[in-house]
PDB file of N, CA and C in Angstrom:
ATOM      1  N   MET A   1       0.834  -1.169   0.000  1.00  0.00           N
ATOM      2  CA  MET A   1       0.000   0.000   0.000  1.00  0.00           C
ATOM      3  C   MET A   1       0.888   1.245   0.000  1.00  0.00           C
ATOM      4  N   THR A   2       0.642   2.133  -0.914  1.00  0.00           N
ATOM      5  CA  THR A   2       1.449   3.343  -1.009  1.00  0.00           C
ATOM      6  C   THR A   2       0.827   4.447  -0.164  1.00  0.00           C
ATOM      7  N   PRO A   3       1.669   5.283   0.434  1.00  0.00           N
ATOM      8  CA  PRO A   3       1.125   6.380   1.239  1.00  0.00           C
ATOM      9  C   PRO A   3       0.441   7.406   0.350  1.00  0.00           C
ATOM     10  N   LYS A   4      -0.636   7.959   0.853  1.00  0.00           N
ATOM     11  CA  LYS A   4      -1.375   8.975   0.109  1.00  0.00           C
ATOM     12  C   LYS A   4      -0.618  10.293   0.120  1.00  0.00           C
ATOM     13  N   LYS A   5      -0.642  10.970  -0.997  1.00  0.00           N
ATOM     14  CA  LYS A   5      -0.084  12.316  -1.073  1.00  0.00           C
ATOM     15  C   LYS A   5      -1.143  13.282  -0.579  1.00  0.00           C
ATOM     16  N   SER A   6      -0.783  14.112   0.379  1.00  0.00           N
ATOM     17  CA  SER A   6      -1.754  15.088   0.859  1.00  0.00           C
ATOM     18  C   SER A   6      -1.575  16.397   0.094  1.00  0.00           C
ATOM     19  N   ASN A   7      -2.651  17.118  -0.048  1.00  0.00           N
ATOM     20  CA  ASN A   7      -2.614  18.404  -0.736  1.00  0.00           C
ATOM     21  C   ASN A   7      -2.336  19.544   0.230  1.00  0.00           C
ATOM     22  N   LYS A   8      -2.076  19.207   1.487  1.00  0.00           N
ATOM     23  CA  LYS A   8      -1.792  20.212   2.493  1.00  0.00           C
ATOM     24  C   LYS A   8      -0.418  20.826   2.241  1.00  0.00           C
ATOM     25  N   LYS A   9      -0.369  22.152   2.195  1.00  0.00           N
ATOM     26  CA  LYS A   9       0.897  22.852   1.981  1.00  0.00           C
ATOM     27  C   LYS A   9       1.619  23.032   3.314  1.00  0.00           C
ATOM     28  N   ASP A  10       2.916  23.084   3.239  1.00  0.00           N
ATOM     29  CA  ASP A  10       3.715  23.336   4.431  1.00  0.00           C
ATOM     30  C   ASP A  10       3.449  24.749   4.939  1.00  0.00           C
ATOM     31  N   THR A  11       3.637  24.929   6.224  1.00  0.00           N
ATOM     32  CA  THR A  11       3.429  26.242   6.821  1.00  0.00           C
ATOM     33  C   THR A  11       4.419  27.257   6.249  1.00  0.00           C
ATOM     34  N   SER A  12       5.645  26.836   6.031  1.00  0.00           N
ATOM     35  CA  SER A  12       6.647  27.773   5.503  1.00  0.00           C
ATOM     36  C   SER A  12       6.282  28.222   4.087  1.00  0.00           C
ATOM     37  N   LYS A  13       5.712  27.322   3.283  1.00  0.00           N
ATOM     38  CA  LYS A  13       5.279  27.724   1.937  1.00  0.00           C
ATOM     39  C   LYS A  13       4.113  28.701   2.008  1.00  0.00           C
ATOM     40  N   LEU A  14       3.194  28.480   2.941  1.00  0.00           N
ATOM     41  CA  LEU A  14       2.074  29.409   3.102  1.00  0.00           C
ATOM     42  C   LEU A  14       2.547  30.791   3.541  1.00  0.00           C
ATOM     43  N   ILE A  15       3.558  30.812   4.408  1.00  0.00           N
ATOM     44  CA  ILE A  15       4.113  32.096   4.835  1.00  0.00           C
ATOM     45  C   ILE A  15       4.739  32.825   3.650  1.00  0.00           C
ATOM     46  N   LEU A  16       5.514  32.106   2.834  1.00  0.00           N
ATOM     47  CA  LEU A  16       6.138  32.734   1.664  1.00  0.00           C
ATOM     48  C   LEU A  16       5.086  33.226   0.673  1.00  0.00           C
ATOM     49  N   ILE A  17       4.066  32.418   0.422  1.00  0.00           N
ATOM     50  CA  ILE A  17       3.009  32.822  -0.510  1.00  0.00           C
ATOM     51  C   ILE A  17       2.296  34.072   0.003  1.00  0.00           C
ATOM     52  N   THR A  18       2.024  34.110   1.297  1.00  0.00           N
ATOM     53  CA  THR A  18       1.355  35.275   1.877  1.00  0.00           C
ATOM     54  C   THR A  18       2.228  36.523   1.774  1.00  0.00           C
ATOM     55  N   LEU A  19       3.509  36.391   2.091  1.00  0.00           N
ATOM     56  CA  LEU A  19       4.400  37.548   2.018  1.00  0.00           C
ATOM     57  C   LEU A  19       4.562  38.051   0.592  1.00  0.00           C
ATOM     58  N   TYR A  20       4.776  37.138  -0.344  1.00  0.00           N
ATOM     59  CA  TYR A  20       4.942  37.550  -1.740  1.00  0.00           C
ATOM     60  C   TYR A  20       3.664  38.162  -2.298  1.00  0.00           C
ATOM     61  N   SER A  21       2.513  37.642  -1.892  1.00  0.00           N
ATOM     62  CA  SER A  21       1.243  38.222  -2.327  1.00  0.00           C
ATOM     63  C   SER A  21       1.068  39.629  -1.769  1.00  0.00           C
ATOM     64  N   SER A  22       1.457  39.815  -0.505  1.00  0.00           N
ATOM     65  CA  SER A  22       1.372  41.144   0.108  1.00  0.00           C
ATOM     66  C   SER A  22       2.254  42.145  -0.627  1.00  0.00           C
ATOM     67  N   VAL A  23       3.446  41.727  -0.981  1.00  0.00           N
ATOM     68  CA  VAL A  23       4.343  42.614  -1.730  1.00  0.00           C
ATOM     69  C   VAL A  23       3.748  42.912  -3.101  1.00  0.00           C
ATOM     70  N   GLY A  24       3.208  41.901  -3.758  1.00  0.00           N
ATOM     71  CA  GLY A  24       2.616  42.096  -5.080  1.00  0.00           C
ATOM     72  C   GLY A  24       1.440  43.043  -5.070  1.00  0.00           C
ATOM     73  N   ILE A  25       0.695  43.055  -3.968  1.00  0.00           N
ATOM     74  CA  ILE A  25      -0.454  43.953  -3.869  1.00  0.00           C
ATOM     75  C   ILE A  25      -0.037  45.350  -3.436  1.00  0.00           C
ATOM     76  N   LEU A  26       0.853  45.435  -2.445  1.00  0.00           N
ATOM     77  CA  LEU A  26       1.214  46.736  -1.888  1.00  0.00           C
ATOM     78  C   LEU A  26       2.184  47.538  -2.743  1.00  0.00           C
ATOM     79  N   LEU A  27       3.054  46.872  -3.478  1.00  0.00           N
ATOM     80  CA  LEU A  27       4.065  47.606  -4.246  1.00  0.00           C
ATOM     81  C   LEU A  27       3.449  48.548  -5.290  1.00  0.00           C
ATOM     82  N   PRO A  28       2.513  48.101  -6.113  1.00  0.00           N
ATOM     83  CA  PRO A  28       1.908  49.059  -7.065  1.00  0.00           C
ATOM     84  C   PRO A  28       1.174  50.205  -6.367  1.00  0.00           C
ATOM     85  N   VAL A  29       0.535  49.912  -5.239  1.00  0.00           N
ATOM     86  CA  VAL A  29      -0.161  50.968  -4.496  1.00  0.00           C
ATOM     87  C   VAL A  29       0.829  52.014  -4.000  1.00  0.00           C
ATOM     88  N   VAL A  30       1.949  51.560  -3.463  1.00  0.00           N
ATOM     89  CA  VAL A  30       2.961  52.481  -2.949  1.00  0.00           C
ATOM     90  C   VAL A  30       3.577  53.301  -4.080  1.00  0.00           C
ATOM     91  N   VAL A  31       3.827  52.666  -5.229  1.00  0.00           N
ATOM     92  CA  VAL A  31       4.403  53.387  -6.368  1.00  0.00           C
ATOM     93  C   VAL A  31       3.433  54.460  -6.862  1.00  0.00           C
ATOM     94  N   ILE A  32       2.158  54.123  -6.950  1.00  0.00           N
ATOM     95  CA  ILE A  32       1.158  55.107  -7.390  1.00  0.00           C
ATOM     96  C   ILE A  32       1.071  56.260  -6.394  1.00  0.00           C
ATOM     97  N   LEU A  33       1.046  55.944  -5.104  1.00  0.00           N
ATOM     98  CA  LEU A  33       0.998  57.000  -4.094  1.00  0.00           C
ATOM     99  C   LEU A  33       2.249  57.878  -4.137  1.00  0.00           C
ATOM    100  N   ALA A  34       3.400  57.282  -4.411  1.00  0.00           N
ATOM    101  CA  ALA A  34       4.642  58.066  -4.493  1.00  0.00           C
ATOM    102  C   ALA A  34       4.596  59.033  -5.682  1.00  0.00           C
ATOM    103  N   PHE A  35       4.066  58.565  -6.822  1.00  0.00           N
ATOM    104  CA  PHE A  35       3.965  59.457  -7.979  1.00  0.00           C
ATOM    105  C   PHE A  35       2.935  60.553  -7.769  1.00  0.00           C
ATOM    106  N   LEU A  36       1.921  60.297  -6.972  1.00  0.00           N
ATOM    107  CA  LEU A  36       0.923  61.320  -6.671  1.00  0.00           C
ATOM    108  C   LEU A  36       1.399  62.296  -5.608  1.00  0.00           C
ATOM    109  N   GLY A  37       2.529  61.990  -4.981  1.00  0.00           N
ATOM    110  CA  GLY A  37       3.077  62.878  -3.971  1.00  0.00           C
ATOM    111  C   GLY A  37       2.483  62.687  -2.600  1.00  0.00           C
ATOM    112  N   VAL A  38       1.769  61.590  -2.417  1.00  0.00           N
ATOM    113  CA  VAL A  38       1.164  61.313  -1.117  1.00  0.00           C
ATOM    114  C   VAL A  38       2.171  60.518  -0.288  1.00  0.00           C
ATOM    115  N   SER A  39       2.593  61.100   0.809  1.00  0.00           N
ATOM    116  CA  SER A  39       3.509  60.402   1.696  1.00  0.00           C
ATOM    117  C   SER A  39       2.680  59.655   2.729  1.00  0.00           C
ATOM    118  N   SER A  40       2.931  58.373   2.811  1.00  0.00           N
ATOM    119  CA  SER A  40       2.144  57.585   3.758  1.00  0.00           C
ATOM    120  C   SER A  40       3.044  56.562   4.440  1.00  0.00           C
ATOM    121  N   PRO A  41       2.554  55.987   5.521  1.00  0.00           N
ATOM    122  CA  PRO A  41       3.330  54.943   6.197  1.00  0.00           C
ATOM    123  C   PRO A  41       3.539  53.703   5.333  1.00  0.00           C
ATOM    124  N   LEU A  42       2.742  53.546   4.280  1.00  0.00           N
ATOM    125  CA  LEU A  42       2.939  52.404   3.386  1.00  0.00           C
ATOM    126  C   LEU A  42       4.308  52.428   2.732  1.00  0.00           C
ATOM    127  N   GLU A  43       4.809  53.618   2.452  1.00  0.00           N
ATOM    128  CA  GLU A  43       6.131  53.724   1.829  1.00  0.00           C
ATOM    129  C   GLU A  43       7.219  53.186   2.750  1.00  0.00           C
ATOM    130  N   ILE A  44       7.048  53.373   4.027  1.00  0.00           N
ATOM    131  CA  ILE A  44       8.028  52.861   4.980  1.00  0.00           C
ATOM    132  C   ILE A  44       7.802  51.380   5.236  1.00  0.00           C
ATOM    133  N   SER A  45       6.547  50.981   5.320  1.00  0.00           N
ATOM    134  CA  SER A  45       6.254  49.587   5.653  1.00  0.00           C
ATOM    135  C   SER A  45       6.602  48.638   4.515  1.00  0.00           C
ATOM    136  N   ILE A  46       6.627  49.110   3.274  1.00  0.00           N
ATOM    137  CA  ILE A  46       6.993  48.222   2.158  1.00  0.00           C
ATOM    138  C   ILE A  46       8.461  47.814   2.279  1.00  0.00           C
ATOM    139  N   THR A  47       9.300  48.697   2.820  1.00  0.00           N
ATOM    140  CA  THR A  47      10.704  48.350   3.041  1.00  0.00           C
ATOM    141  C   THR A  47      10.815  47.235   4.071  1.00  0.00           C
ATOM    142  N   GLY A  48      10.048  47.340   5.131  1.00  0.00           N
ATOM    143  CA  GLY A  48      10.034  46.281   6.138  1.00  0.00           C
ATOM    144  C   GLY A  48       9.497  44.975   5.583  1.00  0.00           C
ATOM    145  N   LEU A  49       8.517  45.055   4.698  1.00  0.00           N
ATOM    146  CA  LEU A  49       7.960  43.856   4.087  1.00  0.00           C
ATOM    147  C   LEU A  49       8.983  43.175   3.173  1.00  0.00           C
ATOM    148  N   PHE A  50       9.768  43.974   2.443  1.00  0.00           N
ATOM    149  CA  PHE A  50      10.848  43.404   1.633  1.00  0.00           C
ATOM    150  C   PHE A  50      11.892  42.719   2.514  1.00  0.00           C
ATOM    151  N   ALA A  51      12.225  43.328   3.637  1.00  0.00           N
ATOM    152  CA  ALA A  51      13.185  42.716   4.559  1.00  0.00           C
ATOM    153  C   ALA A  51      12.638  41.409   5.120  1.00  0.00           C
ATOM    154  N   LEU A  52      11.358  41.400   5.462  1.00  0.00           N
ATOM    155  CA  LEU A  52      10.736  40.197   5.979  1.00  0.00           C
ATOM    156  C   LEU A  52      10.712  39.086   4.927  1.00  0.00           C
ATOM    157  N   CYS A  53      10.459  39.444   3.668  1.00  0.00           N
ATOM    158  CA  CYS A  53      10.499  38.457   2.583  1.00  0.00           C
ATOM    159  C   CYS A  53      11.896  37.876   2.420  1.00  0.00           C
ATOM    160  N   THR A  54      12.906  38.708   2.552  1.00  0.00           N
ATOM    161  CA  THR A  54      14.283  38.245   2.435  1.00  0.00           C
ATOM    162  C   THR A  54      14.620  37.252   3.544  1.00  0.00           C
ATOM    163  N   ILE A  55      14.225  37.579   4.759  1.00  0.00           N
ATOM    164  CA  ILE A  55      14.496  36.685   5.886  1.00  0.00           C
ATOM    165  C   ILE A  55      13.736  35.378   5.742  1.00  0.00           C
ATOM    166  N   ALA A  56      12.474  35.445   5.361  1.00  0.00           N
ATOM    167  CA  ALA A  56      11.651  34.240   5.217  1.00  0.00           C
ATOM    168  C   ALA A  56      12.171  33.343   4.094  1.00  0.00           C
ATOM    169  N   THR A  57      12.613  33.942   3.005  1.00  0.00           N
ATOM    170  CA  THR A  57      13.152  33.161   1.896  1.00  0.00           C
ATOM    171  C   THR A  57      14.454  32.481   2.306  1.00  0.00           C
ATOM    172  N   GLY A  58      15.321  33.199   2.998  1.00  0.00           N
ATOM    173  CA  GLY A  58      16.562  32.599   3.481  1.00  0.00           C
ATOM    174  C   GLY A  58      16.303  31.450   4.429  1.00  0.00           C
ATOM    175  N   PHE A  59      15.337  31.622   5.338  1.00  0.00           N
ATOM    176  CA  PHE A  59      14.998  30.539   6.254  1.00  0.00           C
ATOM    177  C   PHE A  59      14.446  29.337   5.507  1.00  0.00           C
ATOM    178  N   TYR A  60      13.594  29.593   4.510  1.00  0.00           N
ATOM    179  CA  TYR A  60      12.985  28.495   3.753  1.00  0.00           C
ATOM    180  C   TYR A  60      14.057  27.666   3.037  1.00  0.00           C
ATOM    181  N   TYR A  61      15.022  28.337   2.412  1.00  0.00           N
ATOM    182  CA  TYR A  61      16.081  27.608   1.715  1.00  0.00           C
ATOM    183  C   TYR A  61      17.010  26.890   2.687  1.00  0.00           C
ATOM    184  N   TRP A  62      17.276  27.493   3.860  1.00  0.00           N
ATOM    185  CA  TRP A  62      18.094  26.814   4.856  1.00  0.00           C
ATOM    186  C   TRP A  62      17.385  25.561   5.348  1.00  0.00           C
ATOM    187  N   LYS A  63      16.069  25.672   5.567  1.00  0.00           N
ATOM    188  CA  LYS A  63      15.288  24.534   6.026  1.00  0.00           C
ATOM    189  C   LYS A  63      15.262  23.431   4.968  1.00  0.00           C
ATOM    190  N   ALA A  64      15.093  23.796   3.712  1.00  0.00           N
ATOM    191  CA  ALA A  64      15.088  22.808   2.629  1.00  0.00           C
ATOM    192  C   ALA A  64      16.445  22.115   2.524  1.00  0.00           C
ATOM    193  N   LYS A  65      17.522  22.870   2.707  1.00  0.00           N
ATOM    194  CA  LYS A  65      18.865  22.277   2.672  1.00  0.00           C
ATOM    195  C   LYS A  65      19.029  21.268   3.793  1.00  0.00           C
ATOM    196  N   ALA A  66      18.582  21.634   4.985  1.00  0.00           N
ATOM    197  CA  ALA A  66      18.695  20.730   6.133  1.00  0.00           C
ATOM    198  C   ALA A  66      17.856  19.469   5.920  1.00  0.00           C
ATOM    199  N   GLU A  67      16.656  19.618   5.359  1.00  0.00           N
ATOM    200  CA  GLU A  67      15.809  18.447   5.095  1.00  0.00           C
ATOM    201  C   GLU A  67      16.437  17.536   4.043  1.00  0.00           C
ATOM    202  N   ASN A  68      17.013  18.125   3.019  1.00  0.00           N
ATOM    203  CA  ASN A  68      17.652  17.316   1.979  1.00  0.00           C
ATOM    204  C   ASN A  68      18.891  16.607   2.506  1.00  0.00           C
ATOM    205  N   MET A  69      19.664  17.272   3.345  1.00  0.00           N
ATOM    206  CA  MET A  69      20.843  16.622   3.912  1.00  0.00           C
ATOM    207  C   MET A  69      20.420  15.470   4.823  1.00  0.00           C
ATOM    208  N   HIS A  70      19.324  15.659   5.546  1.00  0.00           N
ATOM    209  CA  HIS A  70      18.818  14.578   6.394  1.00  0.00           C
ATOM    210  C   HIS A  70      18.320  13.408   5.546  1.00  0.00           C
ATOM    211  N   LYS A  71      17.689  13.743   4.431  1.00  0.00           N
ATOM    212  CA  LYS A  71      17.156  12.703   3.549  1.00  0.00           C
ATOM    213  C   LYS A  71      18.278  11.858   2.958  1.00  0.00           C
ATOM    214  N   TYR A  72      19.405  12.468   2.661  1.00  0.00           N
ATOM    215  CA  TYR A  72      20.534  11.751   2.074  1.00  0.00           C
ATOM    216  C   TYR A  72      21.574  11.346   3.120  1.00  0.00           C
ATOM    217  N   HIS A  73      21.184  11.368   4.390  1.00  0.00           N
ATOM    218  CA  HIS A  73      22.016  10.922   5.509  1.00  0.00           C
ATOM    219  C   HIS A  73      23.350  11.662   5.600  1.00  0.00           C
ATOM    220  N   ARG A  74      23.288  12.944   5.370  1.00  0.00           N
ATOM    221  CA  ARG A  74      24.477  13.780   5.520  1.00  0.00           C
ATOM    222  C   ARG A  74      24.213  14.888   6.529  1.00  0.00           C
ATOM    223  N   ASP A  75      23.338  14.630   7.496  1.00  0.00           N
ATOM    224  CA  ASP A  75      22.917  15.677   8.415  1.00  0.00           C
ATOM    225  C   ASP A  75      23.865  15.883   9.589  1.00  0.00           C
ATOM    226  N   ASP A  76      24.989  15.201   9.602  1.00  0.00           N
ATOM    227  CA  ASP A  76      25.940  15.424  10.681  1.00  0.00           C
ATOM    228  C   ASP A  76      26.673  16.752  10.537  1.00  0.00           C
ATOM    229  N   GLY A  77      26.614  17.380   9.378  1.00  0.00           N
ATOM    230  CA  GLY A  77      27.322  18.635   9.151  1.00  0.00           C
ATOM    231  C   GLY A  77      26.447  19.865   9.253  1.00  0.00           C
ATOM    232  N   ILE A  78      25.214  19.726   9.719  1.00  0.00           N
ATOM    233  CA  ILE A  78      24.315  20.868   9.818  1.00  0.00           C
ATOM    234  C   ILE A  78      24.460  21.491  11.197  1.00  0.00           C
ATOM    235  N   HIS A  79      24.924  22.727  11.224  1.00  0.00           N
ATOM    236  CA  HIS A  79      25.052  23.446  12.474  1.00  0.00           C
ATOM    237  C   HIS A  79      24.571  24.878  12.256  1.00  0.00           C
ATOM    238  N   MET A  80      23.733  25.349  13.130  1.00  0.00           N
ATOM    239  CA  MET A  80      23.185  26.688  13.006  1.00  0.00           C
ATOM    240  C   MET A  80      24.258  27.723  13.261  1.00  0.00           C
ATOM    241  N   GLY A  81      24.558  28.549  12.286  1.00  0.00           N
ATOM    242  CA  GLY A  81      25.503  29.647  12.448  1.00  0.00           C
ATOM    243  C   GLY A  81      26.959  29.241  12.469  1.00  0.00           C
ATOM    244  N   ASP A  82      27.282  27.994  12.174  1.00  0.00           N
ATOM    245  CA  ASP A  82      28.661  27.532  12.193  1.00  0.00           C
ATOM    246  C   ASP A  82      29.178  27.470  10.767  1.00  0.00           C
ATOM    247  N   ASN A  83      30.040  28.408  10.413  1.00  0.00           N
ATOM    248  CA  ASN A  83      30.570  28.466   9.049  1.00  0.00           C
ATOM    249  C   ASN A  83      31.999  27.931   8.963  1.00  0.00           C
ATOM    250  N   ASN A  84      32.531  27.406  10.045  1.00  0.00           N
ATOM    251  CA  ASN A  84      33.902  26.892  10.045  1.00  0.00           C
ATOM    252  C   ASN A  84      33.918  25.502   9.471  1.00  0.00           C
ATOM    253  N   ASP A  85      34.903  25.220   8.637  1.00  0.00           N
ATOM    254  CA  ASP A  85      35.043  23.893   8.041  1.00  0.00           C
ATOM    255  C   ASP A  85      36.150  23.118   8.730  1.00  0.00           C
ATOM    256  N   ASN A  86      36.177  23.102  10.039  1.00  0.00           N
ATOM    257  CA  ASN A  86      37.225  22.425  10.811  1.00  0.00           C
ATOM    258  C   ASN A  86      37.116  20.940  10.674  1.00  0.00           C
TER     259      ASN A  86
END
């Protein structure tokens, strides 16, 4: 008997989809407001949203790397924040 594939998305993928969708919606609004000369907190918050997307994407790829190394039984070299190759 083969295991069923679930259609449930991972939480990290949902977070990335939500963040990217927010950027896709807010960026044109902020650009239009900037051209109209309207200064709003959205202009500042879009920078924070870009930073949050960068952090979330980096975490997602780090997590995928760790899962793949575990899958191929090479997880003895995964250390958080350890960049030394001693």
